Amino acid sequence: GEFTGVLRMTQAGATRFLEYYDKLYRQLADDGVFADGRPFRMAYLLHQLDLMIQDGIEVHCVPVPGDYHEIDTVEDYHLASKDWARFARA
């Protein structure tokens, strides 16, 4: 599956997530190496979620059906636009 970048959290979960973020930031600041050799300021949300899971914090996944594309580049955008054009013709 692909991570859509959307999170839903309980109030307790959001508090825990932010506390964990603050703890990481205190340890690493902006430029401390975090994951995949990236400085903390450039880390992905998935990096923090993965670390939380490794630390035993429960995280649950909910499947979201649909036609999704990860768009990181102009080329990705054009590929997705071509694919989504089928909906405009329907």
PDB file of N, CA and C in Angstrom:
ATOM      1  N   GLY A   1       0.811  -1.190   0.000  1.00  0.00           N
ATOM      2  CA  GLY A   1       0.000   0.000   0.000  1.00  0.00           C
ATOM      3  C   GLY A   1       0.853   1.252   0.000  1.00  0.00           C
ATOM      4  N   GLU A   2       0.203   2.335  -0.173  1.00  0.00           N
ATOM      5  CA  GLU A   2       0.851   3.645  -0.228  1.00  0.00           C
ATOM      6  C   GLU A   2       0.296   4.530   0.871  1.00  0.00           C
ATOM      7  N   PHE A   3       1.149   5.245   1.555  1.00  0.00           N
ATOM      8  CA  PHE A   3       0.721   6.172   2.594  1.00  0.00           C
ATOM      9  C   PHE A   3       0.163   7.422   1.927  1.00  0.00           C
ATOM     10  N   THR A   4      -1.079   7.773   2.245  1.00  0.00           N
ATOM     11  CA  THR A   4      -1.711   8.939   1.617  1.00  0.00           C
ATOM     12  C   THR A   4      -1.331  10.247   2.286  1.00  0.00           C
ATOM     13  N   GLY A   5      -0.657  10.175   3.416  1.00  0.00           N
ATOM     14  CA  GLY A   5      -0.259  11.392   4.102  1.00  0.00           C
ATOM     15  C   GLY A   5      -1.347  11.980   4.978  1.00  0.00           C
ATOM     16  N   VAL A   6      -2.407  11.224   5.190  1.00  0.00           N
ATOM     17  CA  VAL A   6      -3.516  11.692   6.013  1.00  0.00           C
ATOM     18  C   VAL A   6      -3.523  10.889   7.302  1.00  0.00           C
ATOM     19  N   LEU A   7      -3.585  11.593   8.419  1.00  0.00           N
ATOM     20  CA  LEU A   7      -3.628  10.935   9.717  1.00  0.00           C
ATOM     21  C   LEU A   7      -4.901  11.326  10.446  1.00  0.00           C
ATOM     22  N   ARG A   8      -5.431  10.384  11.167  1.00  0.00           N
ATOM     23  CA  ARG A   8      -6.535  10.666  12.075  1.00  0.00           C
ATOM     24  C   ARG A   8      -6.088  10.169  13.440  1.00  0.00           C
ATOM     25  N   MET A   9      -6.185  11.042  14.428  1.00  0.00           N
ATOM     26  CA  MET A   9      -5.705  10.684  15.757  1.00  0.00           C
ATOM     27  C   MET A   9      -6.748  11.033  16.803  1.00  0.00           C
ATOM     28  N   THR A  10      -6.739  10.257  17.858  1.00  0.00           N
ATOM     29  CA  THR A  10      -7.510  10.649  19.036  1.00  0.00           C
ATOM     30  C   THR A  10      -6.776  11.826  19.670  1.00  0.00           C
ATOM     31  N   GLN A  11      -7.422  12.481  20.603  1.00  0.00           N
ATOM     32  CA  GLN A  11      -6.749  13.582  21.296  1.00  0.00           C
ATOM     33  C   GLN A  11      -5.512  13.067  22.021  1.00  0.00           C
ATOM     34  N   ALA A  12      -5.647  11.908  22.656  1.00  0.00           N
ATOM     35  CA  ALA A  12      -4.498  11.318  23.359  1.00  0.00           C
ATOM     36  C   ALA A  12      -3.393  10.957  22.368  1.00  0.00           C
ATOM     37  N   GLY A  13      -3.780  10.422  21.205  1.00  0.00           N
ATOM     38  CA  GLY A  13      -2.796  10.063  20.189  1.00  0.00           C
ATOM     39  C   GLY A  13      -2.077  11.280  19.636  1.00  0.00           C
ATOM     40  N   ALA A  14      -2.820  12.366  19.410  1.00  0.00           N
ATOM     41  CA  ALA A  14      -2.211  13.597  18.905  1.00  0.00           C
ATOM     42  C   ALA A  14      -1.242  14.175  19.932  1.00  0.00           C
ATOM     43  N   THR A  15      -1.634  14.134  21.188  1.00  0.00           N
ATOM     44  CA  THR A  15      -0.753  14.622  22.256  1.00  0.00           C
ATOM     45  C   THR A  15       0.526  13.802  22.291  1.00  0.00           C
ATOM     46  N   ARG A  16       0.382  12.489  22.205  1.00  0.00           N
ATOM     47  CA  ARG A  16       1.555  11.603  22.235  1.00  0.00           C
ATOM     48  C   ARG A  16       2.454  11.855  21.023  1.00  0.00           C
ATOM     49  N   PHE A  17       1.838  12.036  19.855  1.00  0.00           N
ATOM     50  CA  PHE A  17       2.587  12.302  18.630  1.00  0.00           C
ATOM     51  C   PHE A  17       3.407  13.590  18.773  1.00  0.00           C
ATOM     52  N   LEU A  18       2.774  14.656  19.265  1.00  0.00           N
ATOM     53  CA  LEU A  18       3.466  15.939  19.416  1.00  0.00           C
ATOM     54  C   LEU A  18       4.547  15.878  20.487  1.00  0.00           C
ATOM     55  N   GLU A  19       4.281  15.164  21.572  1.00  0.00           N
ATOM     56  CA  GLU A  19       5.300  15.000  22.610  1.00  0.00           C
ATOM     57  C   GLU A  19       6.513  14.253  22.058  1.00  0.00           C
ATOM     58  N   TYR A  20       6.247  13.240  21.241  1.00  0.00           N
ATOM     59  CA  TYR A  20       7.327  12.468  20.637  1.00  0.00           C
ATOM     60  C   TYR A  20       8.139  13.349  19.690  1.00  0.00           C
ATOM     61  N   TYR A  21       7.434  14.156  18.903  1.00  0.00           N
ATOM     62  CA  TYR A  21       8.106  15.095  17.998  1.00  0.00           C
ATOM     63  C   TYR A  21       8.995  16.050  18.793  1.00  0.00           C
ATOM     64  N   ASP A  22       8.451  16.614  19.861  1.00  0.00           N
ATOM     65  CA  ASP A  22       9.220  17.546  20.687  1.00  0.00           C
ATOM     66  C   ASP A  22      10.456  16.877  21.278  1.00  0.00           C
ATOM     67  N   LYS A  23      10.307  15.619  21.707  1.00  0.00           N
ATOM     68  CA  LYS A  23      11.445  14.875  22.262  1.00  0.00           C
ATOM     69  C   LYS A  23      12.525  14.701  21.195  1.00  0.00           C
ATOM     70  N   LEU A  24      12.118  14.320  19.991  1.00  0.00           N
ATOM     71  CA  LEU A  24      13.080  14.155  18.900  1.00  0.00           C
ATOM     72  C   LEU A  24      13.767  15.477  18.577  1.00  0.00           C
ATOM     73  N   TYR A  25      12.986  16.548  18.543  1.00  0.00           N
ATOM     74  CA  TYR A  25      13.564  17.853  18.218  1.00  0.00           C
ATOM     75  C   TYR A  25      14.569  18.292  19.281  1.00  0.00           C
ATOM     76  N   ARG A  26      14.264  18.042  20.539  1.00  0.00           N
ATOM     77  CA  ARG A  26      15.217  18.382  21.605  1.00  0.00           C
ATOM     78  C   ARG A  26      16.524  17.601  21.435  1.00  0.00           C
ATOM     79  N   GLN A  27      16.423  16.362  20.971  1.00  0.00           N
ATOM     80  CA  GLN A  27      17.610  15.526  20.795  1.00  0.00           C
ATOM     81  C   GLN A  27      18.400  15.901  19.543  1.00  0.00           C
ATOM     82  N   LEU A  28      17.701  16.269  18.475  1.00  0.00           N
ATOM     83  CA  LEU A  28      18.349  16.409  17.174  1.00  0.00           C
ATOM     84  C   LEU A  28      18.445  17.835  16.641  1.00  0.00           C
ATOM     85  N   ALA A  29      17.587  18.725  17.102  1.00  0.00           N
ATOM     86  CA  ALA A  29      17.463  20.078  16.530  1.00  0.00           C
ATOM     87  C   ALA A  29      17.203  19.954  15.026  1.00  0.00           C
ATOM     88  N   ASP A  30      17.435  20.998  14.279  1.00  0.00           N
ATOM     89  CA  ASP A  30      17.107  20.968  12.850  1.00  0.00           C
ATOM     90  C   ASP A  30      18.033  20.069  12.040  1.00  0.00           C
ATOM     91  N   ASP A  31      19.313  20.055  12.391  1.00  0.00           N
ATOM     92  CA  ASP A  31      20.294  19.423  11.520  1.00  0.00           C
ATOM     93  C   ASP A  31      20.826  18.081  11.997  1.00  0.00           C
ATOM     94  N   GLY A  32      20.346  17.576  13.135  1.00  0.00           N
ATOM     95  CA  GLY A  32      20.769  16.257  13.585  1.00  0.00           C
ATOM     96  C   GLY A  32      20.279  15.183  12.624  1.00  0.00           C
ATOM     97  N   VAL A  33      21.119  14.201  12.352  1.00  0.00           N
ATOM     98  CA  VAL A  33      20.755  13.138  11.408  1.00  0.00           C
ATOM     99  C   VAL A  33      19.666  12.279  12.026  1.00  0.00           C
ATOM    100  N   PHE A  34      18.597  12.120  11.280  1.00  0.00           N
ATOM    101  CA  PHE A  34      17.422  11.424  11.804  1.00  0.00           C
ATOM    102  C   PHE A  34      17.228  10.074  11.142  1.00  0.00           C
ATOM    103  N   ALA A  35      16.835  10.047   9.900  1.00  0.00           N
ATOM    104  CA  ALA A  35      16.555   8.786   9.208  1.00  0.00           C
ATOM    105  C   ALA A  35      17.008   8.905   7.764  1.00  0.00           C
ATOM    106  N   ASP A  36      17.463   7.800   7.222  1.00  0.00           N
ATOM    107  CA  ASP A  36      17.944   7.773   5.837  1.00  0.00           C
ATOM    108  C   ASP A  36      19.010   8.844   5.589  1.00  0.00           C
ATOM    109  N   GLY A  37      19.757   9.191   6.633  1.00  0.00           N
ATOM    110  CA  GLY A  37      20.797  10.199   6.497  1.00  0.00           C
ATOM    111  C   GLY A  37      20.280  11.620   6.376  1.00  0.00           C
ATOM    112  N   ARG A  38      18.990  11.817   6.560  1.00  0.00           N
ATOM    113  CA  ARG A  38      18.388  13.151   6.436  1.00  0.00           C
ATOM    114  C   ARG A  38      18.494  13.902   7.755  1.00  0.00           C
ATOM    115  N   PRO A  39      18.682  15.225   7.657  1.00  0.00           N
ATOM    116  CA  PRO A  39      18.573  16.010   8.885  1.00  0.00           C
ATOM    117  C   PRO A  39      17.122  16.005   9.348  1.00  0.00           C
ATOM    118  N   PHE A  40      16.917  16.184  10.619  1.00  0.00           N
ATOM    119  CA  PHE A  40      15.574  16.127  11.196  1.00  0.00           C
ATOM    120  C   PHE A  40      14.598  17.052  10.471  1.00  0.00           C
ATOM    121  N   ARG A  41      15.046  18.248  10.100  1.00  0.00           N
ATOM    122  CA  ARG A  41      14.150  19.212   9.458  1.00  0.00           C
ATOM    123  C   ARG A  41      13.661  18.741   8.092  1.00  0.00           C
ATOM    124  N   MET A  42      14.318  17.732   7.508  1.00  0.00           N
ATOM    125  CA  MET A  42      13.912  17.231   6.193  1.00  0.00           C
ATOM    126  C   MET A  42      13.331  15.818   6.262  1.00  0.00           C
ATOM    127  N   ALA A  43      13.119  15.324   7.455  1.00  0.00           N
ATOM    128  CA  ALA A  43      12.596  13.966   7.609  1.00  0.00           C
ATOM    129  C   ALA A  43      11.131  13.919   7.196  1.00  0.00           C
ATOM    130  N   TYR A  44      10.698  12.752   6.822  1.00  0.00           N
ATOM    131  CA  TYR A  44       9.304  12.537   6.452  1.00  0.00           C
ATOM    132  C   TYR A  44       8.491  12.132   7.677  1.00  0.00           C
ATOM    133  N   LEU A  45       7.225  12.392   7.614  1.00  0.00           N
ATOM    134  CA  LEU A  45       6.297  11.992   8.665  1.00  0.00           C
ATOM    135  C   LEU A  45       6.419  10.494   8.942  1.00  0.00           C
ATOM    136  N   LEU A  46       6.595   9.719   7.884  1.00  0.00           N
ATOM    137  CA  LEU A  46       6.722   8.266   8.048  1.00  0.00           C
ATOM    138  C   LEU A  46       7.902   7.886   8.924  1.00  0.00           C
ATOM    139  N   HIS A  47       8.968   8.679   8.894  1.00  0.00           N
ATOM    140  CA  HIS A  47      10.123   8.375   9.737  1.00  0.00           C
ATOM    141  C   HIS A  47       9.743   8.420  11.214  1.00  0.00           C
ATOM    142  N   GLN A  48       8.995   9.443  11.603  1.00  0.00           N
ATOM    143  CA  GLN A  48       8.587   9.530  13.008  1.00  0.00           C
ATOM    144  C   GLN A  48       7.625   8.407  13.348  1.00  0.00           C
ATOM    145  N   LEU A  49       6.671   8.132  12.481  1.00  0.00           N
ATOM    146  CA  LEU A  49       5.723   7.047  12.762  1.00  0.00           C
ATOM    147  C   LEU A  49       6.451   5.721  12.921  1.00  0.00           C
ATOM    148  N   ASP A  50       7.423   5.462  12.045  1.00  0.00           N
ATOM    149  CA  ASP A  50       8.185   4.217  12.120  1.00  0.00           C
ATOM    150  C   ASP A  50       8.940   4.124  13.441  1.00  0.00           C
ATOM    151  N   LEU A  51       9.553   5.210  13.852  1.00  0.00           N
ATOM    152  CA  LEU A  51      10.294   5.209  15.114  1.00  0.00           C
ATOM    153  C   LEU A  51       9.359   4.995  16.300  1.00  0.00           C
ATOM    154  N   MET A  52       8.187   5.596  16.254  1.00  0.00           N
ATOM    155  CA  MET A  52       7.211   5.407  17.328  1.00  0.00           C
ATOM    156  C   MET A  52       6.795   3.938  17.418  1.00  0.00           C
ATOM    157  N   ILE A  53       6.568   3.308  16.271  1.00  0.00           N
ATOM    158  CA  ILE A  53       6.193   1.891  16.241  1.00  0.00           C
ATOM    159  C   ILE A  53       7.327   1.044  16.813  1.00  0.00           C
ATOM    160  N   GLN A  54       8.571   1.350  16.411  1.00  0.00           N
ATOM    161  CA  GLN A  54       9.723   0.615  16.942  1.00  0.00           C
ATOM    162  C   GLN A  54       9.830   0.758  18.457  1.00  0.00           C
ATOM    163  N   ASP A  55       9.367   1.875  18.983  1.00  0.00           N
ATOM    164  CA  ASP A  55       9.391   2.104  20.434  1.00  0.00           C
ATOM    165  C   ASP A  55       8.180   1.508  21.140  1.00  0.00           C
ATOM    166  N   GLY A  56       7.356   0.766  20.400  1.00  0.00           N
ATOM    167  CA  GLY A  56       6.232   0.064  21.011  1.00  0.00           C
ATOM    168  C   GLY A  56       4.941   0.853  21.099  1.00  0.00           C
ATOM    169  N   ILE A  57       4.882   2.004  20.459  1.00  0.00           N
ATOM    170  CA  ILE A  57       3.654   2.801  20.464  1.00  0.00           C
ATOM    171  C   ILE A  57       2.721   2.250  19.389  1.00  0.00           C
ATOM    172  N   GLU A  58       1.482   1.990  19.767  1.00  0.00           N
ATOM    173  CA  GLU A  58       0.517   1.423  18.822  1.00  0.00           C
ATOM    174  C   GLU A  58       0.097   2.447  17.780  1.00  0.00           C
ATOM    175  N   VAL A  59       0.195   2.052  16.527  1.00  0.00           N
ATOM    176  CA  VAL A  59      -0.271   2.848  15.396  1.00  0.00           C
ATOM    177  C   VAL A  59      -1.093   1.907  14.530  1.00  0.00           C
ATOM    178  N   HIS A  60      -2.266   2.332  14.139  1.00  0.00           N
ATOM    179  CA  HIS A  60      -3.147   1.487  13.341  1.00  0.00           C
ATOM    180  C   HIS A  60      -3.310   2.060  11.945  1.00  0.00           C
ATOM    181  N   CYS A  61      -3.477   1.174  10.990  1.00  0.00           N
ATOM    182  CA  CYS A  61      -3.656   1.551   9.594  1.00  0.00           C
ATOM    183  C   CYS A  61      -5.108   1.326   9.192  1.00  0.00           C
ATOM    184  N   VAL A  62      -5.632   2.237   8.409  1.00  0.00           N
ATOM    185  CA  VAL A  62      -6.986   2.095   7.876  1.00  0.00           C
ATOM    186  C   VAL A  62      -6.886   2.193   6.362  1.00  0.00           C
ATOM    187  N   PRO A  63      -7.297   1.153   5.633  1.00  0.00           N
ATOM    188  CA  PRO A  63      -7.231   1.219   4.174  1.00  0.00           C
ATOM    189  C   PRO A  63      -8.187   2.284   3.634  1.00  0.00           C
ATOM    190  N   VAL A  64      -7.724   3.008   2.628  1.00  0.00           N
ATOM    191  CA  VAL A  64      -8.540   4.026   1.968  1.00  0.00           C
ATOM    192  C   VAL A  64      -8.566   3.681   0.484  1.00  0.00           C
ATOM    193  N   PRO A  65      -9.680   3.115   0.006  1.00  0.00           N
ATOM    194  CA  PRO A  65      -9.736   2.737  -1.408  1.00  0.00           C
ATOM    195  C   PRO A  65      -9.827   3.973  -2.304  1.00  0.00           C
ATOM    196  N   GLY A  66      -9.332   3.840  -3.502  1.00  0.00           N
ATOM    197  CA  GLY A  66      -9.442   4.940  -4.458  1.00  0.00           C
ATOM    198  C   GLY A  66      -8.238   4.992  -5.374  1.00  0.00           C
ATOM    199  N   ASP A  67      -8.265   5.931  -6.268  1.00  0.00           N
ATOM    200  CA  ASP A  67      -7.177   6.126  -7.229  1.00  0.00           C
ATOM    201  C   ASP A  67      -6.280   7.254  -6.739  1.00  0.00           C
ATOM    202  N   TYR A  68      -5.141   6.878  -6.183  1.00  0.00           N
ATOM    203  CA  TYR A  68      -4.214   7.847  -5.627  1.00  0.00           C
ATOM    204  C   TYR A  68      -2.898   7.788  -6.374  1.00  0.00           C
ATOM    205  N   HIS A  69      -2.232   8.902  -6.415  1.00  0.00           N
ATOM    206  CA  HIS A  69      -0.897   8.988  -6.996  1.00  0.00           C
ATOM    207  C   HIS A  69      -0.021   9.789  -6.048  1.00  0.00           C
ATOM    208  N   GLU A  70       1.204   9.351  -5.912  1.00  0.00           N
ATOM    209  CA  GLU A  70       2.179  10.156  -5.180  1.00  0.00           C
ATOM    210  C   GLU A  70       2.770  11.139  -6.179  1.00  0.00           C
ATOM    211  N   ILE A  71       2.679  12.409  -5.875  1.00  0.00           N
ATOM    212  CA  ILE A  71       3.169  13.431  -6.797  1.00  0.00           C
ATOM    213  C   ILE A  71       4.300  14.185  -6.111  1.00  0.00           C
ATOM    214  N   ASP A  72       5.519  13.881  -6.557  1.00  0.00           N
ATOM    215  CA  ASP A  72       6.708  14.532  -6.011  1.00  0.00           C
ATOM    216  C   ASP A  72       7.411  15.394  -7.057  1.00  0.00           C
ATOM    217  N   THR A  73       7.114  15.146  -8.319  1.00  0.00           N
ATOM    218  CA  THR A  73       7.805  15.855  -9.393  1.00  0.00           C
ATOM    219  C   THR A  73       6.786  16.323 -10.428  1.00  0.00           C
ATOM    220  N   VAL A  74       7.246  17.174 -11.333  1.00  0.00           N
ATOM    221  CA  VAL A  74       6.382  17.625 -12.430  1.00  0.00           C
ATOM    222  C   VAL A  74       5.996  16.426 -13.294  1.00  0.00           C
ATOM    223  N   GLU A  75       6.923  15.510 -13.497  1.00  0.00           N
ATOM    224  CA  GLU A  75       6.627  14.307 -14.286  1.00  0.00           C
ATOM    225  C   GLU A  75       5.522  13.486 -13.614  1.00  0.00           C
ATOM    226  N   ASP A  76       5.589  13.331 -12.294  1.00  0.00           N
ATOM    227  CA  ASP A  76       4.529  12.627 -11.555  1.00  0.00           C
ATOM    228  C   ASP A  76       3.182  13.300 -11.782  1.00  0.00           C
ATOM    229  N   TYR A  77       3.180  14.632 -11.747  1.00  0.00           N
ATOM    230  CA  TYR A  77       1.938  15.385 -11.949  1.00  0.00           C
ATOM    231  C   TYR A  77       1.346  15.091 -13.327  1.00  0.00           C
ATOM    232  N   HIS A  78       2.183  15.097 -14.351  1.00  0.00           N
ATOM    233  CA  HIS A  78       1.687  14.843 -15.709  1.00  0.00           C
ATOM    234  C   HIS A  78       1.157  13.415 -15.850  1.00  0.00           C
ATOM    235  N   LEU A  79       1.847  12.456 -15.253  1.00  0.00           N
ATOM    236  CA  LEU A  79       1.366  11.069 -15.296  1.00  0.00           C
ATOM    237  C   LEU A  79       0.021  10.937 -14.588  1.00  0.00           C
ATOM    238  N   ALA A  80      -0.115  11.555 -13.435  1.00  0.00           N
ATOM    239  CA  ALA A  80      -1.377  11.500 -12.693  1.00  0.00           C
ATOM    240  C   ALA A  80      -2.485  12.207 -13.461  1.00  0.00           C
ATOM    241  N   SER A  81      -2.170  13.341 -14.074  1.00  0.00           N
ATOM    242  CA  SER A  81      -3.181  14.079 -14.847  1.00  0.00           C
ATOM    243  C   SER A  81      -3.717  13.240 -15.994  1.00  0.00           C
ATOM    244  N   LYS A  82      -2.828  12.523 -16.673  1.00  0.00           N
ATOM    245  CA  LYS A  82      -3.274  11.642 -17.764  1.00  0.00           C
ATOM    246  C   LYS A  82      -4.198  10.556 -17.229  1.00  0.00           C
ATOM    247  N   ASP A  83      -3.829   9.970 -16.103  1.00  0.00           N
ATOM    248  CA  ASP A  83      -4.644   8.902 -15.526  1.00  0.00           C
ATOM    249  C   ASP A  83      -5.998   9.438 -15.067  1.00  0.00           C
ATOM    250  N   TRP A  84      -6.001  10.593 -14.415  1.00  0.00           N
ATOM    251  CA  TRP A  84      -7.248  11.142 -13.887  1.00  0.00           C
ATOM    252  C   TRP A  84      -8.150  11.712 -14.973  1.00  0.00           C
ATOM    253  N   ALA A  85      -7.611  11.957 -16.152  1.00  0.00           N
ATOM    254  CA  ALA A  85      -8.425  12.498 -17.248  1.00  0.00           C
ATOM    255  C   ALA A  85      -9.582  11.565 -17.580  1.00  0.00           C
ATOM    256  N   ARG A  86      -9.438  10.282 -17.305  1.00  0.00           N
ATOM    257  CA  ARG A  86     -10.527   9.333 -17.591  1.00  0.00           C
ATOM    258  C   ARG A  86     -11.777   9.667 -16.793  1.00  0.00           C
ATOM    259  N   PHE A  87     -11.625  10.297 -15.628  1.00  0.00           N
ATOM    260  CA  PHE A  87     -12.788  10.675 -14.831  1.00  0.00           C
ATOM    261  C   PHE A  87     -13.513  11.868 -15.450  1.00  0.00           C
ATOM    262  N   ALA A  88     -12.772  12.760 -16.096  1.00  0.00           N
ATOM    263  CA  ALA A  88     -13.379  13.935 -16.733  1.00  0.00           C
ATOM    264  C   ALA A  88     -14.207  13.518 -17.942  1.00  0.00           C
ATOM    265  N   ARG A  89     -13.816  12.424 -18.580  1.00  0.00           N
ATOM    266  CA  ARG A  89     -14.545  11.938 -19.763  1.00  0.00           C
ATOM    267  C   ARG A  89     -15.769  11.122 -19.385  1.00  0.00           C
ATOM    268  N   ALA A  90     -15.829  10.669 -18.158  1.00  0.00           N
ATOM    269  CA  ALA A  90     -16.925   9.773 -17.745  1.00  0.00           C
ATOM    270  C   ALA A  90     -18.249  10.496 -17.631  1.00  0.00           C
TER     271      ALA A  90
END
